[in-house]
Amino acid sequence: MSETFLTNCPHCKSVFKLRREHLEVASGHVRCGNCHSLFLATDSLVSLDKETQKAQMEETVEQAEDKIMDSAIPELTDEDKSEHYELAIEATHSSAPHFFKWFIYSLAGLILIFLGIWFLYIWPNKAVLSQDASWRPVLQTSCKVFQCVVPPLQDLKQYRVSSIDVSESPGGQKEVSMVLKNLADFAQPFPKIQVILSDIKGNQYKSPVYSPEQYLPEVNHNALIQPNQSVQIGFSFNSSLEHYSGYQVQLVQ
């Protein structure tokens, strides 16, 4: 009786029993009856010759032989393989497009909402929102996208007005002079200025609000007053109040 061997498929791990003449047909190459893969059976041979096999392999060989004798090796038909393949393709194509569409629609909706908030609220109120610590980062990030300029920070409490003098010229105009200093640790735009005159009865007269280009025509009104910088300011205005007992300067943003 020819010697019998066990070999296992390296692809699907199925175990088969074969004889020496099987090994001599194609120099030890065989085809797996389970996954139909071609492999070299001599790479994993186990002898079933009870007289020559080692004692420590007896139990393993007998269990493998009994398993092969008691159970048939399952094999899928072409129809089964085709059905599984079509189901996998259908599942892939049915789920992916829905998720992709949902993602695109959600992203487009968020962009439209942001654009609506930007053009209807943020941009019209950018001068005020730029001074708000919670909104300023939003403006700065958005302006990087829309190529706009965020208004500089301005804190009216960080200005100091000193050496104020209001006198009356021969023509009846009120001549105003003062020194404006930036106390902040950041550069600020020049503020708008208004002078308020008062008489002994408590009546007040407010001058027009003067912008930087009006009281500093020789300076670029877009320029900033640097930290700790002091600037001499002077301007004149007409007033119907002939006699006044006091005056004050009001800074306007």
C-alpha atoms as a PDB file:
ATOM      1  CA  MET A   1       0.000   0.000   0.000  1.00  0.00           C
ATOM      2  CA  SER A   2       1.371   3.395  -0.936  1.00  0.00           C
ATOM      3  CA  GLU A   3       2.305   5.851   1.767  1.00  0.00           C
ATOM      4  CA  THR A   4      -0.418   8.372   2.691  1.00  0.00           C
ATOM      5  CA  PHE A   5       0.137  12.024   3.656  1.00  0.00           C
ATOM      6  CA  LEU A   6      -1.789  14.991   5.001  1.00  0.00           C
ATOM      7  CA  THR A   7      -1.310  18.482   3.595  1.00  0.00           C
ATOM      8  CA  ASN A   8      -3.075  21.773   4.293  1.00  0.00           C
ATOM      9  CA  CYS A   9      -3.892  24.628   1.934  1.00  0.00           C
ATOM     10  CA  PRO A  10      -1.928  27.766   2.941  1.00  0.00           C
ATOM     11  CA  HIS A  11      -4.768  29.996   1.651  1.00  0.00           C
ATOM     12  CA  CYS A  12      -7.893  28.608   3.332  1.00  0.00           C
ATOM     13  CA  LYS A  13      -6.228  26.179   5.812  1.00  0.00           C
ATOM     14  CA  SER A  14      -8.272  23.192   4.552  1.00  0.00           C
ATOM     15  CA  VAL A  15      -6.658  19.782   5.253  1.00  0.00           C
ATOM     16  CA  PHE A  16      -6.485  17.055   2.577  1.00  0.00           C
ATOM     17  CA  LYS A  17      -5.285  13.447   2.389  1.00  0.00           C
ATOM     18  CA  LEU A  18      -3.175  12.468  -0.622  1.00  0.00           C
ATOM     19  CA  ARG A  19      -0.885   9.658  -1.793  1.00  0.00           C
ATOM     20  CA  ARG A  20       2.637   9.734  -3.127  1.00  0.00           C
ATOM     21  CA  GLU A  21       1.471   9.346  -6.737  1.00  0.00           C
ATOM     22  CA  HIS A  22      -0.452  12.623  -6.362  1.00  0.00           C
ATOM     23  CA  LEU A  23       2.786  14.372  -5.507  1.00  0.00           C
ATOM     24  CA  GLU A  24       4.572  12.937  -8.535  1.00  0.00           C
ATOM     25  CA  VAL A  25       2.042  14.253 -11.098  1.00  0.00           C
ATOM     26  CA  ALA A  26       3.087  17.933 -11.017  1.00  0.00           C
ATOM     27  CA  SER A  27       6.204  17.924  -8.861  1.00  0.00           C
ATOM     28  CA  GLY A  28       4.141  18.292  -5.685  1.00  0.00           C
ATOM     29  CA  HIS A  29       1.781  21.038  -6.950  1.00  0.00           C
ATOM     30  CA  VAL A  30      -1.909  20.472  -6.225  1.00  0.00           C
ATOM     31  CA  ARG A  31      -5.120  22.541  -6.422  1.00  0.00           C
ATOM     32  CA  CYS A  32      -7.243  23.124  -3.305  1.00  0.00           C
ATOM     33  CA  GLY A  33     -10.736  21.642  -3.609  1.00  0.00           C
ATOM     34  CA  ASN A  34     -12.117  24.343  -1.313  1.00  0.00           C
ATOM     35  CA  CYS A  35     -10.711  27.674  -2.553  1.00  0.00           C
ATOM     36  CA  HIS A  36      -9.262  26.331  -5.854  1.00  0.00           C
ATOM     37  CA  SER A  37      -5.862  27.889  -5.117  1.00  0.00           C
ATOM     38  CA  LEU A  38      -2.712  26.262  -6.468  1.00  0.00           C
ATOM     39  CA  PHE A  39      -0.057  25.434  -3.862  1.00  0.00           C
ATOM     40  CA  LEU A  40       2.951  23.188  -3.270  1.00  0.00           C
ATOM     41  CA  ALA A  41       1.729  20.288  -1.143  1.00  0.00           C
ATOM     42  CA  THR A  42       5.237  19.192  -0.184  1.00  0.00           C
ATOM     43  CA  ASP A  43       5.695  22.383   1.868  1.00  0.00           C
ATOM     44  CA  SER A  44       3.333  21.112   4.587  1.00  0.00           C
ATOM     45  CA  LEU A  45       3.288  17.327   4.370  1.00  0.00           C
ATOM     46  CA  VAL A  46       2.534  15.118   7.376  1.00  0.00           C
ATOM     47  CA  SER A  47       3.117  11.381   6.994  1.00  0.00           C
ATOM     48  CA  LEU A  48       0.258   9.005   7.906  1.00  0.00           C
ATOM     49  CA  ASP A  49       2.472   5.950   7.954  1.00  0.00           C
ATOM     50  CA  LYS A  50       1.882   4.743  11.526  1.00  0.00           C
ATOM     51  CA  GLU A  51       5.169   2.848  11.622  1.00  0.00           C
ATOM     52  CA  THR A  52       7.374   5.805  10.681  1.00  0.00           C
ATOM     53  CA  GLN A  53       5.632   8.905  12.081  1.00  0.00           C
ATOM     54  CA  LYS A  54       6.882  10.358  15.317  1.00  0.00           C
ATOM     55  CA  ALA A  55       5.072   9.607  18.537  1.00  0.00           C
ATOM     56  CA  GLN A  56       4.244  13.254  19.277  1.00  0.00           C
ATOM     57  CA  MET A  57       2.355  13.587  15.939  1.00  0.00           C
ATOM     58  CA  GLU A  58       0.134  10.498  16.324  1.00  0.00           C
ATOM     59  CA  GLU A  59      -2.793  12.244  18.020  1.00  0.00           C
ATOM     60  CA  THR A  60      -2.731  15.253  15.662  1.00  0.00           C
ATOM     61  CA  VAL A  61      -2.611  13.084  12.533  1.00  0.00           C
ATOM     62  CA  GLU A  62      -5.423  10.822  13.712  1.00  0.00           C
ATOM     63  CA  GLN A  63      -7.655  13.803  14.553  1.00  0.00           C
ATOM     64  CA  ALA A  64      -6.993  15.406  11.167  1.00  0.00           C
ATOM     65  CA  GLU A  65      -7.667  12.106   9.346  1.00  0.00           C
ATOM     66  CA  ASP A  66     -10.916  11.537  11.255  1.00  0.00           C
ATOM     67  CA  LYS A  67     -12.041  15.103  10.488  1.00  0.00           C
ATOM     68  CA  ILE A  68     -11.483  14.621   6.762  1.00  0.00           C
ATOM     69  CA  MET A  69     -13.203  11.224   6.738  1.00  0.00           C
ATOM     70  CA  ASP A  70     -16.240  12.441   8.702  1.00  0.00           C
ATOM     71  CA  SER A  71     -16.950  15.746   6.937  1.00  0.00           C
ATOM     72  CA  ALA A  72     -17.073  16.819   3.318  1.00  0.00           C
ATOM     73  CA  ILE A  73     -15.171  19.902   2.191  1.00  0.00           C
ATOM     74  CA  PRO A  74     -17.712  22.677   1.391  1.00  0.00           C
ATOM     75  CA  GLU A  75     -17.521  24.288  -2.018  1.00  0.00           C
ATOM     76  CA  LEU A  76     -19.478  27.307  -3.308  1.00  0.00           C
ATOM     77  CA  THR A  77     -21.009  27.120  -6.758  1.00  0.00           C
ATOM     78  CA  ASP A  78     -20.578  29.833  -9.383  1.00  0.00           C
ATOM     79  CA  GLU A  79     -24.139  30.971  -8.746  1.00  0.00           C
ATOM     80  CA  ASP A  80     -23.481  31.405  -5.033  1.00  0.00           C
ATOM     81  CA  LYS A  81     -20.305  33.386  -5.644  1.00  0.00           C
ATOM     82  CA  SER A  82     -22.050  35.626  -8.164  1.00  0.00           C
ATOM     83  CA  GLU A  83     -24.944  36.311  -5.770  1.00  0.00           C
ATOM     84  CA  HIS A  84     -22.633  37.300  -2.909  1.00  0.00           C
ATOM     85  CA  TYR A  85     -20.641  39.578  -5.182  1.00  0.00           C
ATOM     86  CA  GLU A  86     -23.735  41.374  -6.507  1.00  0.00           C
ATOM     87  CA  LEU A  87     -25.102  41.887  -3.003  1.00  0.00           C
ATOM     88  CA  ALA A  88     -21.831  43.449  -1.865  1.00  0.00           C
ATOM     89  CA  ILE A  89     -21.769  45.798  -4.851  1.00  0.00           C
ATOM     90  CA  GLU A  90     -25.402  46.786  -4.344  1.00  0.00           C
ATOM     91  CA  ALA A  91     -24.874  47.512  -0.641  1.00  0.00           C
ATOM     92  CA  THR A  92     -21.837  49.652  -1.390  1.00  0.00           C
ATOM     93  CA  HIS A  93     -23.556  51.690  -4.083  1.00  0.00           C
ATOM     94  CA  SER A  94     -26.758  52.139  -2.090  1.00  0.00           C
ATOM     95  CA  SER A  95     -25.198  53.564   1.100  1.00  0.00           C
ATOM     96  CA  ALA A  96     -22.249  55.678  -0.061  1.00  0.00           C
ATOM     97  CA  PRO A  97     -24.117  58.112  -2.369  1.00  0.00           C
ATOM     98  CA  HIS A  98     -26.733  58.883   0.297  1.00  0.00           C
ATOM     99  CA  PHE A  99     -24.080  59.783   2.857  1.00  0.00           C
ATOM    100  CA  PHE A 100     -22.154  61.853   0.311  1.00  0.00           C
ATOM    101  CA  LYS A 101     -25.283  63.778  -0.719  1.00  0.00           C
ATOM    102  CA  TRP A 102     -26.222  64.386   2.916  1.00  0.00           C
ATOM    103  CA  PHE A 103     -22.719  65.715   3.622  1.00  0.00           C
ATOM    104  CA  ILE A 104     -22.737  68.042   0.584  1.00  0.00           C
ATOM    105  CA  TYR A 105     -26.217  69.404   1.359  1.00  0.00           C
ATOM    106  CA  SER A 106     -25.335  69.978   5.029  1.00  0.00           C
ATOM    107  CA  LEU A 107     -22.110  71.764   4.127  1.00  0.00           C
ATOM    108  CA  ALA A 108     -23.879  73.945   1.557  1.00  0.00           C
ATOM    109  CA  GLY A 109     -26.574  74.805   4.115  1.00  0.00           C
ATOM    110  CA  LEU A 110     -24.005  75.858   6.714  1.00  0.00           C
ATOM    111  CA  ILE A 111     -22.192  78.030   4.166  1.00  0.00           C
ATOM    112  CA  LEU A 112     -25.443  79.758   3.154  1.00  0.00           C
ATOM    113  CA  ILE A 113     -26.348  80.401   6.803  1.00  0.00           C
ATOM    114  CA  PHE A 114     -22.912  81.892   7.485  1.00  0.00           C
ATOM    115  CA  LEU A 115     -23.078  84.110   4.383  1.00  0.00           C
ATOM    116  CA  GLY A 116     -26.521  85.326   5.422  1.00  0.00           C
ATOM    117  CA  ILE A 117     -25.304  86.244   8.911  1.00  0.00           C
ATOM    118  CA  TRP A 118     -22.202  87.913   7.455  1.00  0.00           C
ATOM    119  CA  PHE A 119     -23.915  90.152   4.895  1.00  0.00           C
ATOM    120  CA  LEU A 120     -27.058  90.931   6.903  1.00  0.00           C
ATOM    121  CA  TYR A 121     -25.570  91.482  10.357  1.00  0.00           C
ATOM    122  CA  ILE A 122     -21.790  91.259  10.711  1.00  0.00           C
ATOM    123  CA  TRP A 123     -20.714  93.454   7.784  1.00  0.00           C
ATOM    124  CA  PRO A 124     -23.215  96.320   8.391  1.00  0.00           C
ATOM    125  CA  ASN A 125     -22.183  96.397  12.072  1.00  0.00           C
ATOM    126  CA  LYS A 126     -18.469  95.704  11.626  1.00  0.00           C
ATOM    127  CA  ALA A 127     -17.409  98.991  13.262  1.00  0.00           C
ATOM    128  CA  VAL A 128     -19.192  98.074  16.505  1.00  0.00           C
ATOM    129  CA  LEU A 129     -18.519  94.327  16.412  1.00  0.00           C
ATOM    130  CA  SER A 130     -14.808  94.873  15.789  1.00  0.00           C
ATOM    131  CA  GLN A 131     -14.568  96.401  19.270  1.00  0.00           C
ATOM    132  CA  ASP A 132     -16.248  93.367  20.863  1.00  0.00           C
ATOM    133  CA  ALA A 133     -13.757  90.770  22.125  1.00  0.00           C
ATOM    134  CA  SER A 134     -16.099  87.883  21.248  1.00  0.00           C
ATOM    135  CA  TRP A 135     -16.871  89.066  17.701  1.00  0.00           C
ATOM    136  CA  ARG A 136     -13.473  90.432  16.675  1.00  0.00           C
ATOM    137  CA  PRO A 137     -11.892  86.965  16.031  1.00  0.00           C
ATOM    138  CA  VAL A 138     -14.866  86.125  13.779  1.00  0.00           C
ATOM    139  CA  LEU A 139     -14.311  89.318  11.793  1.00  0.00           C
ATOM    140  CA  GLN A 140     -10.571  88.721  11.513  1.00  0.00           C
ATOM    141  CA  THR A 141     -11.049  85.162  10.242  1.00  0.00           C
ATOM    142  CA  SER A 142     -13.804  86.180   7.822  1.00  0.00           C
ATOM    143  CA  CYS A 143     -11.822  89.086   6.406  1.00  0.00           C
ATOM    144  CA  LYS A 144      -9.017  86.700   5.483  1.00  0.00           C
ATOM    145  CA  VAL A 145     -11.535  84.953   3.233  1.00  0.00           C
ATOM    146  CA  PHE A 146     -13.372  88.022   1.887  1.00  0.00           C
ATOM    147  CA  GLN A 147     -10.228  90.196   1.645  1.00  0.00           C
ATOM    148  CA  CYS A 148     -11.619  92.969   3.856  1.00  0.00           C
ATOM    149  CA  VAL A 149     -10.042  95.120   6.572  1.00  0.00           C
ATOM    150  CA  VAL A 150     -11.031  94.871  10.233  1.00  0.00           C
ATOM    151  CA  PRO A 151     -11.362  98.303  11.883  1.00  0.00           C
ATOM    152  CA  PRO A 152      -8.614  98.886  14.477  1.00  0.00           C
ATOM    153  CA  LEU A 153      -9.314  98.608  18.184  1.00  0.00           C
ATOM    154  CA  GLN A 154     -10.331 101.810  19.937  1.00  0.00           C
ATOM    155  CA  ASP A 155     -10.864 102.383  23.661  1.00  0.00           C
ATOM    156  CA  LEU A 156     -11.924 105.935  24.496  1.00  0.00           C
ATOM    157  CA  LYS A 157     -10.951 105.401  28.133  1.00  0.00           C
ATOM    158  CA  GLN A 158      -7.347 104.933  27.031  1.00  0.00           C
ATOM    159  CA  TYR A 159      -7.024 108.534  25.776  1.00  0.00           C
ATOM    160  CA  ARG A 160      -5.983 111.432  27.964  1.00  0.00           C
ATOM    161  CA  VAL A 161      -6.802 115.022  27.047  1.00  0.00           C
ATOM    162  CA  SER A 162      -4.717 117.715  28.749  1.00  0.00           C
ATOM    163  CA  SER A 163      -3.726 121.376  28.379  1.00  0.00           C
ATOM    164  CA  ILE A 164      -7.229 122.280  27.194  1.00  0.00           C
ATOM    165  CA  ASP A 165      -7.756 125.916  26.316  1.00  0.00           C
ATOM    166  CA  VAL A 166     -10.783 127.615  24.764  1.00  0.00           C
ATOM    167  CA  SER A 167     -10.470 131.289  23.855  1.00  0.00           C
ATOM    168  CA  GLU A 168     -12.458 133.716  21.751  1.00  0.00           C
ATOM    169  CA  SER A 169     -10.933 135.240  18.652  1.00  0.00           C
ATOM    170  CA  PRO A 170     -11.636 138.835  17.497  1.00  0.00           C
ATOM    171  CA  GLY A 171     -14.012 137.432  14.886  1.00  0.00           C
ATOM    172  CA  GLY A 172     -16.175 135.753  17.544  1.00  0.00           C
ATOM    173  CA  GLN A 173     -14.964 132.223  16.889  1.00  0.00           C
ATOM    174  CA  LYS A 174     -13.931 129.932  19.707  1.00  0.00           C
ATOM    175  CA  GLU A 175     -10.325 128.781  19.389  1.00  0.00           C
ATOM    176  CA  VAL A 176      -9.645 125.373  20.917  1.00  0.00           C
ATOM    177  CA  SER A 177      -6.285 123.784  21.666  1.00  0.00           C
ATOM    178  CA  MET A 178      -5.419 120.603  23.582  1.00  0.00           C
ATOM    179  CA  VAL A 179      -2.979 117.700  23.831  1.00  0.00           C
ATOM    180  CA  LEU A 180      -4.237 114.187  23.087  1.00  0.00           C
ATOM    181  CA  LYS A 181      -2.258 111.185  24.380  1.00  0.00           C
ATOM    182  CA  ASN A 182      -2.781 107.459  23.768  1.00  0.00           C
ATOM    183  CA  LEU A 183      -2.406 105.553  27.061  1.00  0.00           C
ATOM    184  CA  ALA A 184      -3.179 102.138  25.563  1.00  0.00           C
ATOM    185  CA  ASP A 185      -0.525  99.542  24.783  1.00  0.00           C
ATOM    186  CA  PHE A 186      -1.824  99.329  21.207  1.00  0.00           C
ATOM    187  CA  ALA A 187      -2.149 101.869  18.397  1.00  0.00           C
ATOM    188  CA  GLN A 188      -5.559 103.532  18.111  1.00  0.00           C
ATOM    189  CA  PRO A 189      -7.304 105.665  15.507  1.00  0.00           C
ATOM    190  CA  PHE A 190      -7.718 109.355  16.296  1.00  0.00           C
ATOM    191  CA  PRO A 191     -11.096 109.927  17.978  1.00  0.00           C
ATOM    192  CA  LYS A 192     -13.769 112.404  17.028  1.00  0.00           C
ATOM    193  CA  ILE A 193     -13.873 115.458  19.300  1.00  0.00           C
ATOM    194  CA  GLN A 194     -16.664 117.689  20.557  1.00  0.00           C
ATOM    195  CA  VAL A 195     -16.394 120.743  22.828  1.00  0.00           C
ATOM    196  CA  ILE A 196     -19.187 121.573  25.288  1.00  0.00           C
ATOM    197  CA  LEU A 197     -19.452 125.154  26.621  1.00  0.00           C
ATOM    198  CA  SER A 198     -21.561 126.072  29.659  1.00  0.00           C
ATOM    199  CA  ASP A 199     -22.610 129.396  31.254  1.00  0.00           C
ATOM    200  CA  ILE A 200     -23.286 130.325  34.883  1.00  0.00           C
ATOM    201  CA  LYS A 201     -26.951 129.352  34.518  1.00  0.00           C
ATOM    202  CA  GLY A 202     -26.054 125.813  33.473  1.00  0.00           C
ATOM    203  CA  ASN A 203     -26.939 126.263  29.836  1.00  0.00           C
ATOM    204  CA  GLN A 204     -24.774 124.274  27.474  1.00  0.00           C
ATOM    205  CA  TYR A 205     -23.699 124.699  23.911  1.00  0.00           C
ATOM    206  CA  LYS A 206     -22.257 121.765  22.023  1.00  0.00           C
ATOM    207  CA  SER A 207     -19.901 122.348  19.145  1.00  0.00           C
ATOM    208  CA  PRO A 208     -20.066 120.200  16.019  1.00  0.00           C
ATOM    209  CA  VAL A 209     -18.336 116.828  16.223  1.00  0.00           C
ATOM    210  CA  TYR A 210     -14.955 117.160  14.524  1.00  0.00           C
ATOM    211  CA  SER A 211     -13.357 114.216  12.775  1.00  0.00           C
ATOM    212  CA  PRO A 212      -9.563 113.694  12.596  1.00  0.00           C
ATOM    213  CA  GLU A 213      -9.378 115.008   9.033  1.00  0.00           C
ATOM    214  CA  GLN A 214     -10.975 118.264  10.260  1.00  0.00           C
ATOM    215  CA  TYR A 215      -8.830 118.976  13.309  1.00  0.00           C
ATOM    216  CA  LEU A 216      -5.647 117.409  11.851  1.00  0.00           C
ATOM    217  CA  PRO A 217      -5.843 118.118   8.113  1.00  0.00           C
ATOM    218  CA  GLU A 218      -2.081 117.773   7.694  1.00  0.00           C
ATOM    219  CA  VAL A 219      -2.131 114.194   9.079  1.00  0.00           C
ATOM    220  CA  ASN A 220      -3.467 111.146   7.265  1.00  0.00           C
ATOM    221  CA  HIS A 221      -6.802 110.568   8.990  1.00  0.00           C
ATOM    222  CA  ASN A 222      -6.322 106.803   8.556  1.00  0.00           C
ATOM    223  CA  ALA A 223      -3.091 106.964  10.550  1.00  0.00           C
ATOM    224  CA  LEU A 224      -3.051 105.638  14.109  1.00  0.00           C
ATOM    225  CA  ILE A 225      -1.848 107.317  17.261  1.00  0.00           C
ATOM    226  CA  GLN A 226       0.849 105.064  18.671  1.00  0.00           C
ATOM    227  CA  PRO A 227       1.113 103.928  22.315  1.00  0.00           C
ATOM    228  CA  ASN A 228       2.234 106.785  24.619  1.00  0.00           C
ATOM    229  CA  GLN A 229       2.222 109.204  21.688  1.00  0.00           C
ATOM    230  CA  SER A 230       1.039 112.782  22.350  1.00  0.00           C
ATOM    231  CA  VAL A 231      -0.437 114.995  19.626  1.00  0.00           C
ATOM    232  CA  GLN A 232      -1.156 118.745  19.739  1.00  0.00           C
ATOM    233  CA  ILE A 233      -4.652 119.515  18.411  1.00  0.00           C
ATOM    234  CA  GLY A 234      -6.189 122.865  17.491  1.00  0.00           C
ATOM    235  CA  PHE A 235      -9.387 123.974  15.738  1.00  0.00           C
ATOM    236  CA  SER A 236     -12.037 126.703  15.868  1.00  0.00           C
ATOM    237  CA  PHE A 237     -15.830 126.846  15.698  1.00  0.00           C
ATOM    238  CA  ASN A 238     -18.623 129.415  15.784  1.00  0.00           C
ATOM    239  CA  SER A 239     -20.769 129.722  18.896  1.00  0.00           C
ATOM    240  CA  SER A 240     -23.746 131.928  19.756  1.00  0.00           C
ATOM    241  CA  LEU A 241     -22.851 131.675  23.432  1.00  0.00           C
ATOM    242  CA  GLU A 242     -21.025 134.926  24.185  1.00  0.00           C
ATOM    243  CA  HIS A 243     -20.246 134.400  27.839  1.00  0.00           C
ATOM    244  CA  TYR A 244     -19.296 130.977  29.131  1.00  0.00           C
ATOM    245  CA  SER A 245     -17.953 129.951  32.489  1.00  0.00           C
ATOM    246  CA  GLY A 246     -16.709 126.470  31.702  1.00  0.00           C
ATOM    247  CA  TYR A 247     -15.955 123.977  28.992  1.00  0.00           C
ATOM    248  CA  GLN A 248     -15.215 120.321  28.567  1.00  0.00           C
ATOM    249  CA  VAL A 249     -13.999 118.054  25.802  1.00  0.00           C
ATOM    250  CA  GLN A 250     -15.889 114.934  24.828  1.00  0.00           C
ATOM    251  CA  LEU A 251     -14.323 112.149  22.758  1.00  0.00           C
ATOM    252  CA  VAL A 252     -16.591 110.341  20.328  1.00  0.00           C
ATOM    253  CA  GLN A 253     -15.941 106.955  18.724  1.00  0.00           C
END
